[in-house]
């Protein structure tokens, strides 16, 4: 038996040497990375498994499993847990050891609840929703002018459910997003979000990434974009945010100015199981760089208010406060480029 084991080991080593000589080792390494990404907590395999429970699971599972799953992910996702704690500390201030960790866990729990309900809504068997829009007339009136509509929002509450609700307004809906950090989930998430006719633009797609977005606005369509940091830094601007400079997305305001489209920021608050409030933060019609800057500042202040009101619904799992210089002057220009926009 020992002889056979030694012979097998020798053959295995010779096979490895042969594969290495032919480049097989590199392919094997790529496969190992692929499998690790697939099985990671944010990977494609788990996301597909989650969809089955969110769409076809019994009601008790949909209501009871998100806090438990959140606790498991909270325990294993060290980098994300630390980033959430730092973000929450900036918003809430320093608190005790237990309070900080409980606050961070609540963000994971809100994310799990939001993912459950968003997957249910994107799926083939969506449940009825209770959605309150106190200032619905602002959105409807802006859209009725036939100039398209830019809707800045954030990684807050159930923004994906809000995007799904936009299809009820009777105009095509486009989302501008960064690609998923885990590549094994990209195709699945894209298919999920486009299942009901929503189109997705990726901010890092090409040097002409901003052009189809402008064309969508000129076709009088809705374009939703997030304020939180995504994509390369040239698409962001430094601004005071919850007490410290942060790099937030300036693109929605520049696009509204270039397309002469109205801009209506909307933030989706979860108020209960399948219950939401879409908080409209005003309307802006920027036609100059200064007006775009004013709309940017006003929208960031509105975003601050909803985050401080419901900090556990701010679903940011990356550090928001990075190295940033002071706010940019109000009279600068932006033009399309690879990241979406750049200064002129």
Protein backbone atom coordinates (compact mmCIF):
# COMPACT_ATOMS: atom_id res chain seq x y z
CA UNK A 1 0.00 0.00 0.00
CA UNK A 2 2.84 2.40 0.81
CA UNK A 3 4.48 1.51 -2.52
CA UNK A 4 1.30 2.26 -4.43
CA UNK A 5 0.88 5.54 -2.59
CA UNK A 6 4.47 6.51 -3.43
CA UNK A 7 3.99 5.59 -7.06
CA UNK A 8 0.78 7.63 -7.20
CA UNK A 9 2.50 10.62 -5.57
CA UNK A 10 5.36 10.41 -8.03
CA UNK A 11 3.00 10.27 -10.98
CA UNK A 12 1.07 13.22 -9.57
CA UNK A 13 4.25 15.26 -9.23
CA UNK A 14 5.27 14.38 -12.80
CA UNK A 15 1.82 15.41 -14.00
CA UNK A 16 2.14 18.73 -12.18
CA UNK A 17 5.56 19.30 -13.72
CA UNK A 18 4.16 18.57 -17.16
CA UNK A 19 1.25 20.96 -16.62
CA UNK A 20 3.59 23.65 -15.38
CA UNK A 21 5.80 23.25 -18.43
CA UNK A 22 2.74 23.70 -20.65
CA UNK A 23 1.31 26.62 -18.72
CA UNK A 24 -1.21 24.38 -16.94
CA UNK A 25 -0.21 25.78 -13.57
CA UNK A 26 -1.36 29.24 -14.60
CA UNK A 27 -4.69 27.87 -15.79
CA UNK A 28 -5.06 25.93 -12.57
CA UNK A 29 -4.37 29.09 -10.57
CA UNK A 30 -7.00 30.95 -12.58
CA UNK A 31 -9.50 28.18 -11.90
CA UNK A 32 -8.67 28.25 -8.19
CA UNK A 33 -9.27 32.00 -8.10
CA UNK A 34 -12.49 31.56 -10.04
CA UNK A 35 -13.78 28.95 -7.59
CA UNK A 36 -12.82 31.05 -4.59
CA UNK A 37 -14.69 34.03 -6.03
CA UNK A 38 -17.67 31.84 -6.89
CA UNK A 39 -17.93 30.39 -3.37
CA UNK A 40 -17.10 33.62 -1.51
CA UNK A 41 -19.99 35.06 0.53
CA UNK A 42 -20.69 37.64 -2.23
CA UNK A 43 -20.13 35.16 -5.09
CA UNK A 44 -22.38 33.98 -7.88
CA UNK A 45 -23.20 30.58 -6.34
CA UNK A 46 -24.52 32.08 -3.11
CA UNK A 47 -26.39 34.82 -4.94
CA UNK A 48 -28.23 32.26 -7.06
CA UNK A 49 -29.01 30.20 -3.98
CA UNK A 50 -30.32 33.34 -2.28
CA UNK A 51 -32.62 34.06 -5.22
CA UNK A 52 -34.31 30.69 -4.82
CA UNK A 53 -35.20 31.49 -1.21
CA UNK A 54 -36.23 35.07 -1.97
CA UNK A 55 -38.51 34.12 -4.84
CA UNK A 56 -39.79 30.63 -3.99
CA UNK A 57 -39.23 30.33 -0.25
CA UNK A 58 -42.13 30.33 2.23
CA UNK A 59 -43.10 33.57 3.93
CA UNK A 60 -41.61 32.53 7.27
CA UNK A 61 -38.25 32.05 5.54
CA UNK A 62 -38.36 35.42 3.80
CA UNK A 63 -39.14 37.17 7.09
CA UNK A 64 -36.95 35.19 9.47
CA UNK A 65 -33.80 34.31 7.53
CA UNK A 66 -32.34 37.76 6.65
CA UNK A 67 -31.20 38.64 10.23
CA UNK A 68 -29.61 35.19 10.63
CA UNK A 69 -27.84 35.32 7.26
CA UNK A 70 -26.70 38.85 8.08
CA UNK A 71 -25.15 37.61 11.32
CA UNK A 72 -23.21 34.90 9.45
CA UNK A 73 -21.90 37.33 6.84
CA UNK A 74 -21.12 39.88 9.56
CA UNK A 75 -18.97 37.26 11.26
CA UNK A 76 -16.91 36.29 8.21
CA UNK A 77 -16.67 39.53 6.17
CA UNK A 78 -13.92 41.21 8.16
CA UNK A 79 -12.99 43.95 5.67
CA UNK A 80 -16.60 44.95 5.02
CA UNK A 81 -17.41 44.85 8.73
CA UNK A 82 -14.52 47.19 9.51
CA UNK A 83 -15.50 49.59 6.70
CA UNK A 84 -19.11 49.74 7.92
CA UNK A 85 -17.94 50.45 11.47
CA UNK A 86 -15.77 53.34 10.25
CA UNK A 87 -18.57 54.77 8.09
CA UNK A 88 -21.11 54.49 10.90
CA UNK A 89 -18.71 56.04 13.40
CA UNK A 90 -18.40 59.12 11.19
CA UNK A 91 -22.20 59.44 11.01
CA UNK A 92 -23.11 58.53 14.59
CA UNK A 93 -19.96 59.57 16.44
CA UNK A 94 -17.86 57.35 18.69
CA UNK A 95 -19.83 54.96 20.87
CA UNK A 96 -19.08 51.99 23.07
CA UNK A 97 -17.58 48.71 21.80
CA UNK A 98 -20.90 46.85 21.84
CA UNK A 99 -22.94 49.75 20.45
CA UNK A 100 -20.61 50.18 17.47
CA UNK A 101 -20.72 46.51 16.59
CA UNK A 102 -24.46 46.31 17.02
CA UNK A 103 -24.86 49.35 14.76
CA UNK A 104 -22.63 47.76 12.14
CA UNK A 105 -24.56 44.48 12.33
CA UNK A 106 -27.83 46.37 11.77
CA UNK A 107 -26.43 47.62 8.45
CA UNK A 108 -25.78 44.01 7.41
CA UNK A 109 -29.29 43.05 8.55
CA UNK A 110 -30.86 45.90 6.58
CA UNK A 111 -28.87 44.86 3.54
CA UNK A 112 -30.08 41.26 3.88
CA UNK A 113 -33.67 42.44 4.20
CA UNK A 114 -33.27 44.79 1.25
CA UNK A 115 -31.69 42.06 -0.90
CA UNK A 116 -34.48 39.63 -0.04
CA UNK A 117 -37.19 42.04 -1.11
CA UNK A 118 -35.34 43.35 -4.17
CA UNK A 119 -34.72 39.82 -5.47
CA UNK A 120 -38.36 39.03 -4.85
CA UNK A 121 -39.36 42.09 -6.87
CA UNK A 122 -36.94 41.39 -9.72
CA UNK A 123 -38.10 37.76 -9.81
CA UNK A 124 -41.06 36.20 -11.62
CA UNK A 125 -43.34 36.20 -8.55
CA UNK A 126 -43.20 39.71 -7.01
CA UNK A 127 -45.34 40.39 -3.96
CA UNK A 128 -47.44 43.58 -3.69
CA UNK A 129 -45.64 46.58 -2.22
CA UNK A 130 -46.86 49.53 -0.17
CA UNK A 131 -44.97 52.54 -1.54
CA UNK A 132 -45.60 56.07 -0.32
CA UNK A 133 -44.39 58.97 -2.45
CA UNK A 134 -45.38 62.17 -0.62
CA UNK A 135 -44.09 64.42 -3.44
CA UNK A 136 -45.03 62.27 -6.40
CA UNK A 137 -46.27 65.33 -8.32
CA UNK A 138 -42.69 66.67 -8.46
CA UNK A 139 -41.51 63.54 -10.27
CA UNK A 140 -44.56 63.25 -12.54
CA UNK A 141 -44.47 66.94 -13.43
CA UNK A 142 -40.79 66.89 -14.32
CA UNK A 143 -41.22 63.80 -16.47
CA UNK A 144 -44.24 65.27 -18.24
CA UNK A 145 -42.10 68.05 -19.72
CA UNK A 146 -40.58 65.57 -22.18
CA UNK A 147 -36.93 66.36 -21.47
CA UNK A 148 -35.98 63.14 -19.71
CA UNK A 149 -35.30 62.90 -15.98
CA UNK A 150 -32.10 62.45 -13.95
CA UNK A 151 -32.67 60.84 -10.54
CA UNK A 152 -29.67 60.82 -8.19
CA UNK A 153 -29.93 58.39 -5.29
CA UNK A 154 -27.60 56.40 -3.05
CA UNK A 155 -26.80 52.99 -1.60
CA UNK A 156 -29.57 53.59 0.87
CA UNK A 157 -32.64 51.67 1.99
CA UNK A 158 -34.10 49.64 -0.86
CA UNK A 159 -32.87 51.63 -3.83
CA UNK A 160 -33.24 48.62 -6.14
CA UNK A 161 -36.91 48.29 -5.20
CA UNK A 162 -37.28 52.01 -5.92
CA UNK A 163 -35.72 51.47 -9.35
CA UNK A 164 -38.22 48.68 -9.99
CA UNK A 165 -41.06 51.07 -9.03
CA UNK A 166 -39.88 53.63 -11.60
CA UNK A 167 -41.19 51.42 -14.39
CA UNK A 168 -44.70 52.42 -13.28
CA UNK A 169 -44.07 55.97 -14.54
CA UNK A 170 -44.49 54.87 -18.14
CA UNK A 171 -41.03 55.78 -19.46
CA UNK A 172 -37.94 53.58 -20.07
CA UNK A 173 -35.65 53.39 -17.05
CA UNK A 174 -31.84 53.34 -17.18
CA UNK A 175 -29.46 52.71 -14.28
CA UNK A 176 -25.84 53.88 -14.33
CA UNK A 177 -23.73 51.60 -12.16
CA UNK A 178 -20.24 50.27 -11.53
CA UNK A 179 -19.55 46.62 -12.14
CA UNK A 180 -19.87 44.14 -9.30
CA UNK A 181 -16.72 43.74 -7.17
CA UNK A 182 -17.01 39.96 -7.51
CA UNK A 183 -16.97 39.13 -11.25
CA UNK A 184 -18.74 35.78 -10.77
CA UNK A 185 -21.98 37.59 -9.94
CA UNK A 186 -21.89 40.20 -12.73
CA UNK A 187 -23.87 38.30 -15.39
CA UNK A 188 -26.43 37.08 -12.86
CA UNK A 189 -27.07 40.55 -11.42
CA UNK A 190 -27.25 42.10 -14.88
CA UNK A 191 -29.87 39.55 -15.99
CA UNK A 192 -31.79 40.12 -12.76
CA UNK A 193 -31.93 43.91 -13.13
CA UNK A 194 -32.80 43.88 -16.82
CA UNK A 195 -35.48 41.20 -16.54
CA UNK A 196 -38.29 43.77 -16.42
CA UNK A 197 -37.02 46.04 -19.18
CA UNK A 198 -34.64 48.24 -17.18
CA UNK A 199 -31.44 49.07 -19.04
CA UNK A 200 -28.07 49.21 -17.25
CA UNK A 201 -25.13 51.39 -18.27
CA UNK A 202 -21.74 50.61 -16.75
CA UNK A 203 -19.71 53.69 -15.94
CA UNK A 204 -16.37 52.09 -16.89
CA UNK A 205 -17.47 50.56 -20.17
CA UNK A 206 -15.58 52.73 -22.69
CA UNK A 207 -14.30 56.21 -23.46
CA UNK A 208 -17.78 57.03 -24.74
CA UNK A 209 -19.63 55.79 -21.63
CA UNK A 210 -21.46 59.09 -21.07
CA UNK A 211 -22.77 59.40 -24.64
CA UNK A 212 -25.52 56.71 -24.55
CA UNK A 213 -26.68 58.15 -21.21
CA UNK A 214 -27.10 61.58 -22.80
CA UNK A 215 -28.92 59.97 -25.71
CA UNK A 216 -31.31 58.24 -23.30
CA UNK A 217 -32.14 61.59 -21.71
CA UNK A 218 -32.74 63.12 -25.13
CA UNK A 219 -35.20 60.28 -25.79
CA UNK A 220 -37.06 61.51 -22.68
CA UNK A 221 -36.10 58.49 -20.58
CA UNK A 222 -35.31 58.19 -16.86
CA UNK A 223 -31.67 57.86 -15.77
CA UNK A 224 -30.89 56.81 -12.20
CA UNK A 225 -27.38 57.37 -10.80
CA UNK A 226 -25.85 56.90 -7.36
CA UNK A 227 -24.01 59.53 -5.36
CA UNK A 228 -21.82 57.14 -3.39
CA UNK A 229 -18.26 56.52 -4.59
CA UNK A 230 -18.10 54.07 -7.51
CA UNK A 231 -15.77 53.86 -10.46
CA UNK A 232 -12.53 55.83 -10.87
CA UNK A 233 -11.90 59.03 -8.93
CA UNK A 234 -12.20 61.37 -11.98
CA UNK A 235 -15.98 60.90 -11.82
CA UNK A 236 -16.13 62.26 -8.27
CA UNK A 237 -15.80 65.56 -6.44
CA UNK A 238 -14.62 66.29 -2.92
CA UNK A 239 -17.31 67.78 -0.68
CA UNK A 240 -17.93 67.98 3.05
CA UNK A 241 -20.07 64.97 3.93
CA UNK A 242 -21.12 64.22 7.48
CA UNK A 243 -18.28 66.34 8.82
CA UNK A 244 -15.36 65.24 6.61
CA UNK A 245 -14.44 65.66 2.93
CA UNK A 246 -15.52 62.69 0.82
CA UNK A 247 -15.47 61.95 -2.89
CA UNK A 248 -19.05 61.77 -4.17
CA UNK A 249 -20.36 61.41 -7.69
CA UNK A 250 -20.78 64.67 -9.58
CA UNK A 251 -21.88 63.03 -12.84
CA UNK A 252 -25.70 63.22 -12.44
CA UNK A 253 -25.61 67.00 -12.16
CA UNK A 254 -23.30 67.47 -15.11
CA UNK A 255 -25.43 65.17 -17.26
CA UNK A 256 -28.60 67.05 -16.32
CA UNK A 257 -26.94 70.32 -17.33
CA UNK A 258 -25.61 68.96 -20.64
CA UNK A 259 -28.94 67.36 -21.56
CA UNK A 260 -31.05 70.26 -20.21
CA UNK A 261 -33.00 67.65 -18.26
CA UNK A 262 -34.70 68.16 -14.88
CA UNK A 263 -33.01 66.54 -11.90
CA UNK A 264 -35.00 65.07 -8.98
CA UNK A 265 -33.06 63.30 -6.18
CA UNK A 266 -34.98 60.40 -4.59
CA UNK A 267 -34.03 58.23 -1.61
CA UNK A 268 -35.86 54.99 -0.75
CA UNK A 269 -36.51 54.43 2.96
CA UNK A 270 -37.64 51.03 4.20
CA UNK A 271 -40.47 51.49 6.69
CA UNK A 272 -41.44 47.83 7.18
CA UNK A 273 -41.82 44.48 5.43
CA UNK A 274 -42.49 45.41 1.79
CA UNK A 275 -43.24 48.96 2.87
CA UNK A 276 -41.31 51.95 1.52
CA UNK A 277 -41.27 55.70 1.39
CA UNK A 278 -39.65 57.42 -1.58
CA UNK A 279 -38.25 60.66 -0.20
CA UNK A 280 -38.08 63.33 -2.92
CA UNK A 281 -35.39 65.93 -2.18
CA UNK A 282 -36.61 68.68 -4.51
CA UNK A 283 -36.20 69.53 -8.17
CA UNK A 284 -33.32 71.23 -9.97
CA UNK A 285 -32.88 72.49 -13.54
CA UNK A 286 -29.16 73.21 -13.89
CA UNK A 287 -28.14 75.08 -17.04
CA UNK A 288 -24.76 76.43 -15.90
CA UNK A 289 -21.79 74.91 -14.02
CA UNK A 290 -22.67 77.06 -11.00
CA UNK A 291 -26.25 75.79 -10.97
CA UNK A 292 -25.03 72.20 -11.30
CA UNK A 293 -22.71 72.78 -8.34
CA UNK A 294 -25.57 74.23 -6.27
CA UNK A 295 -27.76 71.21 -7.09
CA UNK A 296 -24.90 68.89 -6.14
CA UNK A 297 -24.43 70.55 -2.76
CA UNK A 298 -28.17 70.63 -2.00
CA UNK A 299 -28.56 66.95 -2.91
CA UNK A 300 -25.60 65.92 -0.76
CA UNK A 301 -27.12 67.81 2.18
CA UNK A 302 -30.43 66.00 1.65
CA UNK A 303 -28.56 62.69 1.51
CA UNK A 304 -26.84 63.54 4.78
CA UNK A 305 -30.21 64.14 6.43
CA UNK A 306 -31.69 60.78 5.45
CA UNK A 307 -28.49 58.97 6.46
CA UNK A 308 -28.50 60.60 9.89
CA UNK A 309 -32.21 59.82 10.22
CA UNK A 310 -31.78 56.14 9.31
CA UNK A 311 -28.04 55.33 9.56
CA UNK A 312 -28.56 51.56 9.53
CA UNK A 313 -30.12 51.87 6.06
CA UNK A 314 -26.97 53.36 4.57
CA UNK A 315 -25.72 50.23 2.81
CA UNK A 316 -22.10 51.18 2.14
CA UNK A 317 -19.56 48.40 2.66
CA UNK A 318 -16.49 50.33 1.49
CA UNK A 319 -14.68 53.22 3.15
CA UNK A 320 -16.33 56.45 2.05
CA UNK A 321 -13.86 58.87 3.64
CA UNK A 322 -10.70 58.53 1.64
CA UNK A 323 -8.00 61.06 0.85
CA UNK A 324 -9.77 64.04 -0.64
CA UNK A 325 -8.79 67.62 -1.23
CA UNK A 326 -11.10 70.54 -0.65
CA UNK A 327 -14.30 71.07 -2.65
CA UNK A 328 -13.86 72.02 -6.29
CA UNK A 329 -14.66 75.55 -7.41
CA UNK A 330 -18.15 76.20 -8.72
CA UNK A 331 -17.11 77.32 -12.21
CA UNK A 332 -15.46 74.17 -13.56
CA UNK A 333 -16.62 72.11 -16.53
CA UNK A 334 -16.94 68.35 -17.03
CA UNK A 335 -16.89 66.38 -20.29
CA UNK A 336 -17.39 62.67 -21.11
CA UNK A 337 -14.45 60.27 -20.82
CA UNK A 338 -13.63 56.72 -19.72
CA UNK A 339 -14.86 57.04 -16.15
CA UNK A 340 -17.95 58.83 -17.36
CA UNK A 341 -16.84 62.45 -16.90
CA UNK A 342 -13.71 64.51 -16.42
CA UNK A 343 -12.79 68.15 -15.90
CA UNK A 344 -12.21 70.41 -18.86
